[in-house]
Every structure is written in C-alpha cells, then in structure tokens.
C-alpha cells in the first residue's frame, strides 16, 4: 500500500497549510523590510538649512545677486553660504566658497579664496568684505591683481 494513502487527510492539509502560511509570511517580511530599507537609504538628511539660496544686495546704482549651493542660519540675520557662492552684478562677479551674508545690513564677508572678475580686471585674494550696501569691496590677505589694457 502507498505511504501517502495511509496518512490522515487532516494532517496533510494542516501540514500544507503551515508550509503555505510560513512561505507567505517569509515573502511578506522580506518585501516589507527591503522596502523600508530602500526608503531609509533614499532619504538623506542634508546638513544645510537652505538649499540653493538666493539673495540680493540692493543699492541705488546696482543690484548684486547672490547664489550658493547651501546655506546655514547663524542667527536671524546672518547666513553662512557654502559651496560655489557667486556674487553677480552687471559690472562684476565674485566667486568664493564660504561667505557670511548679513541680510539686515546688506553686507558679506569671506575669509576663503575669492576671485573677482570684471571687464578688464581680475583679483584673486584670500577673502573680501562687501559693505556700504555693496558700494565698497575690500579685499584682504595675499591678493593678486591682473589688469588688461588695450592701447588702440
């Protein structure tokens, strides 16, 4: 006589149900935990308070637009701008990495390497101060000035 015929049907049904449920639970937990891990790995916490911040310094003569990749609030008015900080107006541009911008006083200061570019002037310095609503720029540290002249 066949061995399977000698087993009780209730036990076979119960055994197959347990196997099916354990397989279903295994698949469910595997999918659920892998989905949760994907969500956590895709969610990254940034160290910046502001991403791609944009500000401007306004005065009577010109407007200086300020952009960066990241920004962190120091206090209510001061913001540390980081990564590719660009000051751009119609007459010049300044590129630096870390700049402290004061929104209330319309000033900016950097102690990092900075490059000032204009039509006929290029200034490389170890930092700068923009004050008096953007009317004055003071370069500090070791600075190199390149002037371009055309005689005719």
C-alpha atoms as a PDB file:
ATOM      1  CA  UNK A   1       0.000   0.000   0.000  1.00  0.00           C
ATOM      2  CA  UNK A   2       1.147   3.550  -0.756  1.00  0.00           C
ATOM      3  CA  UNK A   3       2.538   5.531   2.175  1.00  0.00           C
ATOM      4  CA  UNK A   4       0.606   8.747   1.298  1.00  0.00           C
ATOM      5  CA  UNK A   5      -2.696   6.899   1.356  1.00  0.00           C
ATOM      6  CA  UNK A   6      -2.005   5.688   4.843  1.00  0.00           C
ATOM      7  CA  UNK A   7      -1.632   9.265   6.209  1.00  0.00           C
ATOM      8  CA  UNK A   8      -4.652  11.043   7.533  1.00  0.00           C
ATOM      9  CA  UNK A   9      -6.002  13.788   5.270  1.00  0.00           C
ATOM     10  CA  UNK A  10      -6.325  16.219   8.155  1.00  0.00           C
ATOM     11  CA  UNK A  11      -2.590  16.053   8.857  1.00  0.00           C
ATOM     12  CA  UNK A  12      -1.667  16.534   5.210  1.00  0.00           C
ATOM     13  CA  UNK A  13      -3.995  19.510   4.915  1.00  0.00           C
ATOM     14  CA  UNK A  14      -2.673  21.020   8.154  1.00  0.00           C
ATOM     15  CA  UNK A  15       0.952  20.467   7.104  1.00  0.00           C
ATOM     16  CA  UNK A  16       0.430  22.066   3.669  1.00  0.00           C
ATOM     17  CA  UNK A  17      -1.399  24.992   5.276  1.00  0.00           C
ATOM     18  CA  UNK A  18       1.521  25.575   7.682  1.00  0.00           C
ATOM     19  CA  UNK A  19       4.020  25.427   4.793  1.00  0.00           C
ATOM     20  CA  UNK A  20       1.921  27.853   2.734  1.00  0.00           C
ATOM     21  CA  UNK A  21       1.491  30.323   5.623  1.00  0.00           C
ATOM     22  CA  UNK A  22       5.187  30.221   6.539  1.00  0.00           C
ATOM     23  CA  UNK A  23       6.082  30.852   2.875  1.00  0.00           C
ATOM     24  CA  UNK A  24       3.599  33.750   2.729  1.00  0.00           C
ATOM     25  CA  UNK A  25       4.946  35.276   5.991  1.00  0.00           C
ATOM     26  CA  UNK A  26       8.536  34.929   4.761  1.00  0.00           C
ATOM     27  CA  UNK A  27       7.754  36.703   1.461  1.00  0.00           C
ATOM     28  CA  UNK A  28       5.773  39.432   3.232  1.00  0.00           C
ATOM     29  CA  UNK A  29       8.546  40.231   5.740  1.00  0.00           C
ATOM     30  CA  UNK A  30      11.232  40.061   3.075  1.00  0.00           C
ATOM     31  CA  UNK A  31       9.350  42.550   0.898  1.00  0.00           C
ATOM     32  CA  UNK A  32       8.372  44.806   3.809  1.00  0.00           C
ATOM     33  CA  UNK A  33      11.889  45.112   5.289  1.00  0.00           C
ATOM     34  CA  UNK A  34      13.578  45.573   1.907  1.00  0.00           C
ATOM     35  CA  UNK A  35      11.040  48.291   1.061  1.00  0.00           C
ATOM     36  CA  UNK A  36      11.707  50.031   4.393  1.00  0.00           C
ATOM     37  CA  UNK A  37      15.488  49.841   3.845  1.00  0.00           C
ATOM     38  CA  UNK A  38      15.090  51.374   0.378  1.00  0.00           C
ATOM     39  CA  UNK A  39      13.069  54.239   1.793  1.00  0.00           C
ATOM     40  CA  UNK A  40      15.637  54.898   4.512  1.00  0.00           C
ATOM     41  CA  UNK A  41      18.588  54.707   2.096  1.00  0.00           C
ATOM     42  CA  UNK A  42      16.883  57.046  -0.395  1.00  0.00           C
ATOM     43  CA  UNK A  43      16.053  59.547   2.319  1.00  0.00           C
ATOM     44  CA  UNK A  44      19.206  61.508   3.112  1.00  0.00           C
ATOM     45  CA  UNK A  45      19.418  64.183   5.750  1.00  0.00           C
ATOM     46  CA  UNK A  46      21.119  67.319   4.482  1.00  0.00           C
ATOM     47  CA  UNK A  47      23.403  69.327   6.681  1.00  0.00           C
ATOM     48  CA  UNK A  48      22.182  72.581   5.133  1.00  0.00           C
ATOM     49  CA  UNK A  49      19.278  74.703   6.367  1.00  0.00           C
ATOM     50  CA  UNK A  50      18.733  76.131   2.869  1.00  0.00           C
ATOM     51  CA  UNK A  51      19.478  74.509  -0.474  1.00  0.00           C
ATOM     52  CA  UNK A  52      20.214  76.775  -3.434  1.00  0.00           C
ATOM     53  CA  UNK A  53      19.731  80.046  -1.513  1.00  0.00           C
ATOM     54  CA  UNK A  54      19.336  83.310  -3.473  1.00  0.00           C
ATOM     55  CA  UNK A  55      19.703  86.798  -2.042  1.00  0.00           C
ATOM     56  CA  UNK A  56      20.457  90.275  -3.319  1.00  0.00           C
ATOM     57  CA  UNK A  57      22.208  93.414  -2.130  1.00  0.00           C
ATOM     58  CA  UNK A  58      20.280  96.423  -3.393  1.00  0.00           C
ATOM     59  CA  UNK A  59      21.591  99.949  -3.703  1.00  0.00           C
ATOM     60  CA  UNK A  60      20.757 102.945  -5.873  1.00  0.00           C
ATOM     61  CA  UNK A  61      23.259 102.165  -8.640  1.00  0.00           C
ATOM     62  CA  UNK A  62      23.147  98.414  -8.986  1.00  0.00           C
ATOM     63  CA  UNK A  63      21.808  95.138  -7.718  1.00  0.00           C
ATOM     64  CA  UNK A  64      24.178  92.340  -6.654  1.00  0.00           C
ATOM     65  CA  UNK A  65      22.634  88.872  -6.896  1.00  0.00           C
ATOM     66  CA  UNK A  66      23.971  86.206  -4.527  1.00  0.00           C
ATOM     67  CA  UNK A  67      23.611  82.464  -5.130  1.00  0.00           C
ATOM     68  CA  UNK A  68      25.098  79.367  -3.452  1.00  0.00           C
ATOM     69  CA  UNK A  69      24.553  75.622  -3.191  1.00  0.00           C
ATOM     70  CA  UNK A  70      23.916  75.523   0.562  1.00  0.00           C
ATOM     71  CA  UNK A  71      23.195  77.900   3.411  1.00  0.00           C
ATOM     72  CA  UNK A  72      23.062  77.624   7.205  1.00  0.00           C
ATOM     73  CA  UNK A  73      21.483  80.136   9.563  1.00  0.00           C
ATOM     74  CA  UNK A  74      23.918  81.572  12.105  1.00  0.00           C
ATOM     75  CA  UNK A  75      21.303  83.847  13.662  1.00  0.00           C
ATOM     76  CA  UNK A  76      18.222  85.733  12.464  1.00  0.00           C
ATOM     77  CA  UNK A  77      20.157  87.949  10.039  1.00  0.00           C
ATOM     78  CA  UNK A  78      23.438  86.139   9.345  1.00  0.00           C
ATOM     79  CA  UNK A  79      23.627  83.204   6.959  1.00  0.00           C
ATOM     80  CA  UNK A  80      26.678  81.095   6.156  1.00  0.00           C
ATOM     81  CA  UNK A  81      26.636  80.454   2.407  1.00  0.00           C
ATOM     82  CA  UNK A  82      28.656  77.433   1.276  1.00  0.00           C
ATOM     83  CA  UNK A  83      29.747  75.758  -1.949  1.00  0.00           C
ATOM     84  CA  UNK A  84      30.071  77.819  -5.132  1.00  0.00           C
ATOM     85  CA  UNK A  85      28.991  81.166  -3.718  1.00  0.00           C
ATOM     86  CA  UNK A  86      28.552  83.661  -6.564  1.00  0.00           C
ATOM     87  CA  UNK A  87      28.074  87.441  -6.318  1.00  0.00           C
ATOM     88  CA  UNK A  88      26.993  88.805  -9.699  1.00  0.00           C
ATOM     89  CA  UNK A  89      26.131  92.269 -10.914  1.00  0.00           C
ATOM     90  CA  UNK A  90      26.185  93.919 -14.328  1.00  0.00           C
ATOM     91  CA  UNK A  91      29.767  95.106 -13.794  1.00  0.00           C
ATOM     92  CA  UNK A  92      31.491  92.283 -11.871  1.00  0.00           C
ATOM     93  CA  UNK A  93      31.300  88.837 -10.303  1.00  0.00           C
ATOM     94  CA  UNK A  94      32.938  87.299  -7.220  1.00  0.00           C
ATOM     95  CA  UNK A  95      33.327  83.562  -6.660  1.00  0.00           C
ATOM     96  CA  UNK A  96      34.140  82.068  -3.240  1.00  0.00           C
ATOM     97  CA  UNK A  97      33.314  79.021  -1.116  1.00  0.00           C
ATOM     98  CA  UNK A  98      32.269  80.165   2.371  1.00  0.00           C
ATOM     99  CA  UNK A  99      30.672  83.579   2.851  1.00  0.00           C
ATOM    100  CA  UNK A 100      28.802  85.093   5.790  1.00  0.00           C
ATOM    101  CA  UNK A 101      25.945  87.226   4.477  1.00  0.00           C
ATOM    102  CA  UNK A 102      24.084  89.681   6.719  1.00  0.00           C
ATOM    103  CA  UNK A 103      20.584  90.266   5.354  1.00  0.00           C
ATOM    104  CA  UNK A 104      19.772  93.237   7.567  1.00  0.00           C
ATOM    105  CA  UNK A 105      22.980  95.231   6.989  1.00  0.00           C
ATOM    106  CA  UNK A 106      23.361  94.066   3.357  1.00  0.00           C
ATOM    107  CA  UNK A 107      26.998  93.044   3.936  1.00  0.00           C
ATOM    108  CA  UNK A 108      29.069  89.971   3.109  1.00  0.00           C
ATOM    109  CA  UNK A 109      32.404  88.693   4.375  1.00  0.00           C
ATOM    110  CA  UNK A 110      34.640  85.787   3.396  1.00  0.00           C
ATOM    111  CA  UNK A 111      37.997  84.536   4.645  1.00  0.00           C
ATOM    112  CA  UNK A 112      38.351  81.961   1.874  1.00  0.00           C
ATOM    113  CA  UNK A 113      39.999  82.217  -1.509  1.00  0.00           C
ATOM    114  CA  UNK A 114      37.966  84.563  -3.685  1.00  0.00           C
ATOM    115  CA  UNK A 115      38.135  85.577  -7.336  1.00  0.00           C
ATOM    116  CA  UNK A 116      36.810  88.955  -8.505  1.00  0.00           C
ATOM    117  CA  UNK A 117      36.220  89.327 -12.260  1.00  0.00           C
ATOM    118  CA  UNK A 118      35.354  92.433 -14.209  1.00  0.00           C
ATOM    119  CA  UNK A 119      35.765  93.552 -17.835  1.00  0.00           C
ATOM    120  CA  UNK A 120      39.446  94.467 -17.554  1.00  0.00           C
ATOM    121  CA  UNK A 121      40.284  93.365 -14.003  1.00  0.00           C
ATOM    122  CA  UNK A 122      40.802  90.088 -12.180  1.00  0.00           C
ATOM    123  CA  UNK A 123      41.601  89.973  -8.449  1.00  0.00           C
ATOM    124  CA  UNK A 124      42.497  86.794  -6.556  1.00  0.00           C
ATOM    125  CA  UNK A 125      42.508  87.227  -2.783  1.00  0.00           C
ATOM    126  CA  UNK A 126      42.250  85.351   0.499  1.00  0.00           C
ATOM    127  CA  UNK A 127      38.945  86.991   1.354  1.00  0.00           C
ATOM    128  CA  UNK A 128      36.778  90.070   0.962  1.00  0.00           C
ATOM    129  CA  UNK A 129      34.316  92.373   2.684  1.00  0.00           C
ATOM    130  CA  UNK A 130      31.330  93.878   0.900  1.00  0.00           C
ATOM    131  CA  UNK A 131      29.884  96.789   2.860  1.00  0.00           C
ATOM    132  CA  UNK A 132      28.081 100.105   2.410  1.00  0.00           C
ATOM    133  CA  UNK A 133      25.193  98.334   0.589  1.00  0.00           C
ATOM    134  CA  UNK A 134      27.566  96.853  -1.987  1.00  0.00           C
ATOM    135  CA  UNK A 135      29.197 100.167  -2.905  1.00  0.00           C
ATOM    136  CA  UNK A 136      32.549  99.174  -1.392  1.00  0.00           C
ATOM    137  CA  UNK A 137      34.526  95.948  -1.592  1.00  0.00           C
ATOM    138  CA  UNK A 138      37.694  95.427   0.440  1.00  0.00           C
ATOM    139  CA  UNK A 139      39.985  92.514  -0.444  1.00  0.00           C
ATOM    140  CA  UNK A 140      42.294  91.177   2.254  1.00  0.00           C
ATOM    141  CA  UNK A 141      45.110  88.677   2.634  1.00  0.00           C
ATOM    142  CA  UNK A 142      47.518  87.884  -0.174  1.00  0.00           C
ATOM    143  CA  UNK A 143      45.972  89.407  -3.266  1.00  0.00           C
ATOM    144  CA  UNK A 144      46.916  89.333  -6.929  1.00  0.00           C
ATOM    145  CA  UNK A 145      45.569  91.935  -9.373  1.00  0.00           C
ATOM    146  CA  UNK A 146      45.639  91.470 -13.132  1.00  0.00           C
ATOM    147  CA  UNK A 147      44.740  94.484 -15.304  1.00  0.00           C
ATOM    148  CA  UNK A 148      44.133  94.198 -19.033  1.00  0.00           C
ATOM    149  CA  UNK A 149      44.949  97.182 -21.200  1.00  0.00           C
ATOM    150  CA  UNK A 150      44.238  97.903 -24.815  1.00  0.00           C
ATOM    151  CA  UNK A 151      46.130 100.814 -26.283  1.00  0.00           C
ATOM    152  CA  UNK A 152      44.230 101.013 -29.537  1.00  0.00           C
END
